[in-house]
Amino acid sequence: MTDQPKKPDDNSDAVHAAFDDLHEKLGNRATSDTKVRVEALREAVLAQDAASVKAHLAEMKASHGWLWTELTAHPRVAELIDKLALMGL
């Protein structure tokens, strides 16, 4: 059996687009700390690492309530998180 090249992750473009849009929406309210946290969440979503996503979300909810609100209110980011939830988050 031959190794087939890995297909590009179609989800990758959607993740990048959603998080880029979120960064735009946050604008000047995003501090360097919140930007780092959002990027860490983006990487966890890209990796489809449910445990890491769950940990990042719990930390954001506990220490950055406004950011949690923005994440859950953003339609495309919320949809990505919902998809991960269906996968066992």
C-alpha atoms as a PDB file:
ATOM      1  CA  MET A   1       0.000   0.000   0.000  1.00  0.00           C
ATOM      2  CA  THR A   2       1.430   3.374  -0.958  1.00  0.00           C
ATOM      3  CA  ASP A   3       1.285   6.475   1.146  1.00  0.00           C
ATOM      4  CA  GLN A   4      -1.052   9.032  -0.303  1.00  0.00           C
ATOM      5  CA  PRO A   5      -0.374  12.709   0.180  1.00  0.00           C
ATOM      6  CA  LYS A   6      -2.413  14.220   2.945  1.00  0.00           C
ATOM      7  CA  LYS A   7      -5.282  16.324   1.665  1.00  0.00           C
ATOM      8  CA  PRO A   8      -5.241  19.940   2.724  1.00  0.00           C
ATOM      9  CA  ASP A   9      -7.537  20.535   5.664  1.00  0.00           C
ATOM     10  CA  ASP A  10     -10.602  22.268   4.271  1.00  0.00           C
ATOM     11  CA  ASN A  11     -11.410  23.344   7.799  1.00  0.00           C
ATOM     12  CA  SER A  12      -8.180  25.346   8.004  1.00  0.00           C
ATOM     13  CA  ASP A  13      -9.436  28.139   5.750  1.00  0.00           C
ATOM     14  CA  ALA A  14     -12.675  28.397   7.711  1.00  0.00           C
ATOM     15  CA  VAL A  15     -10.796  28.545  11.023  1.00  0.00           C
ATOM     16  CA  HIS A  16      -8.434  31.241   9.799  1.00  0.00           C
ATOM     17  CA  ALA A  17     -11.279  33.290   8.308  1.00  0.00           C
ATOM     18  CA  ALA A  18     -13.374  33.064  11.466  1.00  0.00           C
ATOM     19  CA  PHE A  19     -10.559  34.023  13.810  1.00  0.00           C
ATOM     20  CA  ASP A  20      -9.318  36.811  11.514  1.00  0.00           C
ATOM     21  CA  ASP A  21     -12.848  38.206  11.549  1.00  0.00           C
ATOM     22  CA  LEU A  22     -12.947  37.920  15.329  1.00  0.00           C
ATOM     23  CA  HIS A  23      -9.660  39.842  15.627  1.00  0.00           C
ATOM     24  CA  GLU A  24     -11.169  42.574  13.439  1.00  0.00           C
ATOM     25  CA  LYS A  25     -14.284  42.715  15.584  1.00  0.00           C
ATOM     26  CA  LEU A  26     -12.263  42.947  18.805  1.00  0.00           C
ATOM     27  CA  GLY A  27     -10.262  45.846  17.401  1.00  0.00           C
ATOM     28  CA  ASN A  28      -8.665  48.118  19.995  1.00  0.00           C
ATOM     29  CA  ARG A  29     -10.279  46.252  22.878  1.00  0.00           C
ATOM     30  CA  ALA A  30      -7.888  43.359  22.352  1.00  0.00           C
ATOM     31  CA  THR A  31      -4.814  43.638  24.526  1.00  0.00           C
ATOM     32  CA  SER A  32      -1.637  41.736  23.787  1.00  0.00           C
ATOM     33  CA  ASP A  33      -2.736  39.176  26.406  1.00  0.00           C
ATOM     34  CA  THR A  34      -6.140  38.610  24.816  1.00  0.00           C
ATOM     35  CA  LYS A  35      -4.559  38.369  21.362  1.00  0.00           C
ATOM     36  CA  VAL A  36      -2.235  35.638  22.638  1.00  0.00           C
ATOM     37  CA  ARG A  37      -5.176  33.780  24.182  1.00  0.00           C
ATOM     38  CA  VAL A  38      -7.254  34.015  21.009  1.00  0.00           C
ATOM     39  CA  GLU A  39      -4.300  32.779  18.919  1.00  0.00           C
ATOM     40  CA  ALA A  40      -3.785  29.853  21.298  1.00  0.00           C
ATOM     41  CA  LEU A  41      -7.456  28.968  20.894  1.00  0.00           C
ATOM     42  CA  ARG A  42      -7.136  29.260  17.104  1.00  0.00           C
ATOM     43  CA  GLU A  43      -4.215  26.820  17.131  1.00  0.00           C
ATOM     44  CA  ALA A  44      -6.146  24.377  19.309  1.00  0.00           C
ATOM     45  CA  VAL A  45      -9.146  24.548  16.965  1.00  0.00           C
ATOM     46  CA  LEU A  46      -6.877  24.051  13.933  1.00  0.00           C
ATOM     47  CA  ALA A  47      -5.337  21.009  15.606  1.00  0.00           C
ATOM     48  CA  GLN A  48      -8.827  19.783  16.511  1.00  0.00           C
ATOM     49  CA  ASP A  49      -7.491  19.275  20.017  1.00  0.00           C
ATOM     50  CA  ALA A  50     -10.700  19.115  22.015  1.00  0.00           C
ATOM     51  CA  ALA A  51      -8.974  19.027  25.411  1.00  0.00           C
ATOM     52  CA  SER A  52      -6.924  22.116  24.623  1.00  0.00           C
ATOM     53  CA  VAL A  53      -9.949  23.972  23.228  1.00  0.00           C
ATOM     54  CA  LYS A  54     -11.899  23.118  26.355  1.00  0.00           C
ATOM     55  CA  ALA A  55      -9.067  24.344  28.605  1.00  0.00           C
ATOM     56  CA  HIS A  56      -8.676  27.613  26.661  1.00  0.00           C
ATOM     57  CA  LEU A  57     -12.418  28.266  26.739  1.00  0.00           C
ATOM     58  CA  ALA A  58     -12.672  27.560  30.466  1.00  0.00           C
ATOM     59  CA  GLU A  59      -9.768  29.912  31.181  1.00  0.00           C
ATOM     60  CA  MET A  60     -11.258  32.660  29.011  1.00  0.00           C
ATOM     61  CA  LYS A  61     -14.638  32.315  30.652  1.00  0.00           C
ATOM     62  CA  ALA A  62     -13.098  32.500  34.134  1.00  0.00           C
ATOM     63  CA  SER A  63     -10.701  35.397  33.586  1.00  0.00           C
ATOM     64  CA  HIS A  64     -11.922  37.319  30.519  1.00  0.00           C
ATOM     65  CA  GLY A  65     -15.712  37.357  30.631  1.00  0.00           C
ATOM     66  CA  TRP A  66     -16.027  39.971  27.897  1.00  0.00           C
ATOM     67  CA  LEU A  67     -13.827  37.912  25.572  1.00  0.00           C
ATOM     68  CA  TRP A  68     -15.895  34.802  26.299  1.00  0.00           C
ATOM     69  CA  THR A  69     -19.005  36.801  25.366  1.00  0.00           C
ATOM     70  CA  GLU A  70     -17.411  37.922  22.099  1.00  0.00           C
ATOM     71  CA  LEU A  71     -16.331  34.366  21.249  1.00  0.00           C
ATOM     72  CA  THR A  72     -19.738  32.854  21.868  1.00  0.00           C
ATOM     73  CA  ALA A  73     -21.509  35.701  20.054  1.00  0.00           C
ATOM     74  CA  HIS A  74     -19.335  35.444  16.943  1.00  0.00           C
ATOM     75  CA  PRO A  75     -21.286  33.200  14.553  1.00  0.00           C
ATOM     76  CA  ARG A  76     -18.366  31.582  12.718  1.00  0.00           C
ATOM     77  CA  VAL A  77     -16.202  31.010  15.795  1.00  0.00           C
ATOM     78  CA  ALA A  78     -19.180  29.642  17.717  1.00  0.00           C
ATOM     79  CA  GLU A  79     -19.970  27.300  14.808  1.00  0.00           C
ATOM     80  CA  LEU A  80     -16.410  25.930  14.817  1.00  0.00           C
ATOM     81  CA  ILE A  81     -16.562  25.326  18.563  1.00  0.00           C
ATOM     82  CA  ASP A  82     -19.951  23.654  18.181  1.00  0.00           C
ATOM     83  CA  LYS A  83     -18.474  21.307  15.556  1.00  0.00           C
ATOM     84  CA  LEU A  84     -15.698  20.359  17.962  1.00  0.00           C
ATOM     85  CA  ALA A  85     -18.292  19.773  20.663  1.00  0.00           C
ATOM     86  CA  LEU A  86     -19.991  17.267  18.402  1.00  0.00           C
ATOM     87  CA  MET A  87     -16.637  15.515  18.108  1.00  0.00           C
ATOM     88  CA  GLY A  88     -16.434  15.083  21.868  1.00  0.00           C
ATOM     89  CA  LEU A  89     -15.387  18.374  23.400  1.00  0.00           C
END
